[in-house]
Amino acid sequence: RRRGICDVILGVVLVLCLPCSSGLAPYPLKKVTAVYPQPERLVAIGDLHGDIASTRKALRLAGVLHESRDEWVGGKTVVVQV
């Protein structure tokens, strides 16, 4: 009985969320074009899953976070998380 309820809940969640994540939204979406100038330096970092220690380590490795303080030292560097 419990498994049946869980399956129903999962089905409802998928029906509500899947269309949005697949690009088939239940309502019209406004297309937004974003064009930015090329930065002097661009750093891309993978998904950090909210891990602040890994985030600091990655930013320090990229040379944009001060070695001992949480202070930006990257100048005009642009950092993106992918």
Foldseek 3Di string as FASTA:
>chain_A
DVVVVVVVVVVVVCVQPVCVVVVNDPDDDDDDDDDDDDFPAEAEAEDPPPDVVVVQVVCVVVVQADPPDRDGPPVRYHYYYD
